[in-house]
């Protein structure tokens, strides 16, 4: 997150970017996406519209952070350190 902040982005902007990356990560994995949709009750048809809601984006990061294997997989996929993912979630409040 620090690198993005040095480029003039606000913490909330960085958090949104990380959360959208996390949502894309979930979308590429049918098993994780299915679990996420089941847990949230959101249907595939409303997923795109929900992606503009900060509470939804915080929930995406909550889902990622609740499982160590998912955190590691997302961190590797996004090339973000786990601490950045945690900081992004904290930026949502």
Protein backbone atom coordinates (compact mmCIF):
# COMPACT_ATOMS: atom_id res chain seq x y z
CA UNK A 1 0.00 0.00 0.00
CA UNK A 2 2.88 2.36 0.71
CA UNK A 3 4.00 2.42 -2.94
CA UNK A 4 0.52 3.40 -4.10
CA UNK A 5 0.34 6.10 -1.43
CA UNK A 6 3.62 7.53 -2.67
CA UNK A 7 2.00 7.96 -6.06
CA UNK A 8 -0.59 10.27 -4.52
CA UNK A 9 -3.45 7.86 -3.91
CA UNK A 10 -5.61 8.17 -0.82
CA UNK A 11 -5.83 5.09 1.44
CA UNK A 12 -9.49 4.66 0.49
CA UNK A 13 -8.59 4.65 -3.22
CA UNK A 14 -5.87 2.07 -2.64
CA UNK A 15 -8.27 -0.04 -0.57
CA UNK A 16 -10.81 0.04 -3.39
CA UNK A 17 -8.18 -1.03 -5.92
CA UNK A 18 -7.03 -3.92 -3.71
CA UNK A 19 -10.64 -5.01 -3.09
CA UNK A 20 -11.45 -4.98 -6.81
CA UNK A 21 -8.31 -7.03 -7.46
CA UNK A 22 -9.55 -9.44 -4.77
CA UNK A 23 -12.96 -9.64 -6.44
CA UNK A 24 -11.29 -10.41 -9.77
CA UNK A 25 -9.23 -13.08 -8.03
CA UNK A 26 -12.41 -14.67 -6.67
CA UNK A 27 -14.11 -14.45 -10.07
CA UNK A 28 -11.32 -16.53 -11.62
CA UNK A 29 -11.81 -19.34 -9.09
CA UNK A 30 -15.26 -20.96 -9.35
CA UNK A 31 -14.96 -22.72 -5.98
CA UNK A 32 -13.97 -19.60 -4.05
CA UNK A 33 -16.47 -17.47 -5.96
CA UNK A 34 -19.25 -19.95 -5.18
CA UNK A 35 -18.35 -19.90 -1.50
CA UNK A 36 -18.26 -16.10 -1.50
CA UNK A 37 -21.63 -15.79 -3.25
CA UNK A 38 -23.16 -18.35 -0.90
CA UNK A 39 -21.81 -16.56 2.16
CA UNK A 40 -22.91 -13.10 1.04
CA UNK A 41 -26.20 -14.06 -0.56
CA UNK A 42 -25.34 -11.98 -3.61
CA UNK A 43 -26.16 -13.47 -6.98
CA UNK A 44 -23.85 -13.46 -9.98
CA UNK A 45 -26.20 -11.02 -11.74
CA UNK A 46 -25.74 -8.35 -9.03
CA UNK A 47 -22.03 -8.86 -8.48
CA UNK A 48 -20.91 -6.12 -10.88
CA UNK A 49 -23.31 -3.53 -9.43
CA UNK A 50 -22.27 -4.43 -5.89
CA UNK A 51 -18.62 -3.77 -6.73
CA UNK A 52 -19.20 -0.03 -6.37
CA UNK A 53 -20.36 -0.35 -2.74
CA UNK A 54 -17.57 0.20 -0.17
CA UNK A 55 -19.31 -2.11 2.31
CA UNK A 56 -19.39 -4.86 -0.30
CA UNK A 57 -15.72 -4.30 -1.12
CA UNK A 58 -14.85 -4.49 2.58
CA UNK A 59 -16.77 -7.78 2.65
CA UNK A 60 -14.69 -9.08 -0.26
CA UNK A 61 -11.54 -8.41 1.73
CA UNK A 62 -13.10 -9.93 4.85
CA UNK A 63 -13.75 -13.10 2.86
CA UNK A 64 -10.18 -13.17 1.57
CA UNK A 65 -8.67 -12.52 5.00
CA UNK A 66 -10.63 -15.15 6.90
CA UNK A 67 -8.64 -18.03 5.38
CA UNK A 68 -4.83 -18.16 5.38
CA UNK A 69 -4.66 -20.21 2.17
CA UNK A 70 -6.88 -17.70 0.39
CA UNK A 71 -4.78 -14.79 1.65
CA UNK A 72 -1.61 -16.50 0.42
CA UNK A 73 -3.15 -17.34 -2.96
CA UNK A 74 -4.45 -13.80 -3.45
CA UNK A 75 -1.16 -12.26 -2.30
CA UNK A 76 0.74 -14.40 -4.78
CA UNK A 77 -1.73 -13.71 -7.58
CA UNK A 78 -1.78 -9.95 -7.02
CA UNK A 79 1.86 -9.66 -5.97
CA UNK A 80 0.72 -7.78 -2.88
CA UNK A 81 2.10 -8.59 0.55
CA UNK A 82 -0.51 -9.85 3.03
CA UNK A 83 0.08 -6.74 5.15
CA UNK A 84 -1.14 -4.59 2.25
CA UNK A 85 -4.32 -6.65 2.00
CA UNK A 86 -4.91 -6.21 5.74
CA UNK A 87 -4.19 -2.47 5.53
CA UNK A 88 -6.64 -2.16 2.64
CA UNK A 89 -9.36 -3.79 4.74
CA UNK A 90 -8.58 -1.48 7.66
CA UNK A 91 -8.85 1.54 5.36
CA UNK A 92 -12.53 0.71 4.82
CA UNK A 93 -13.07 1.11 8.57
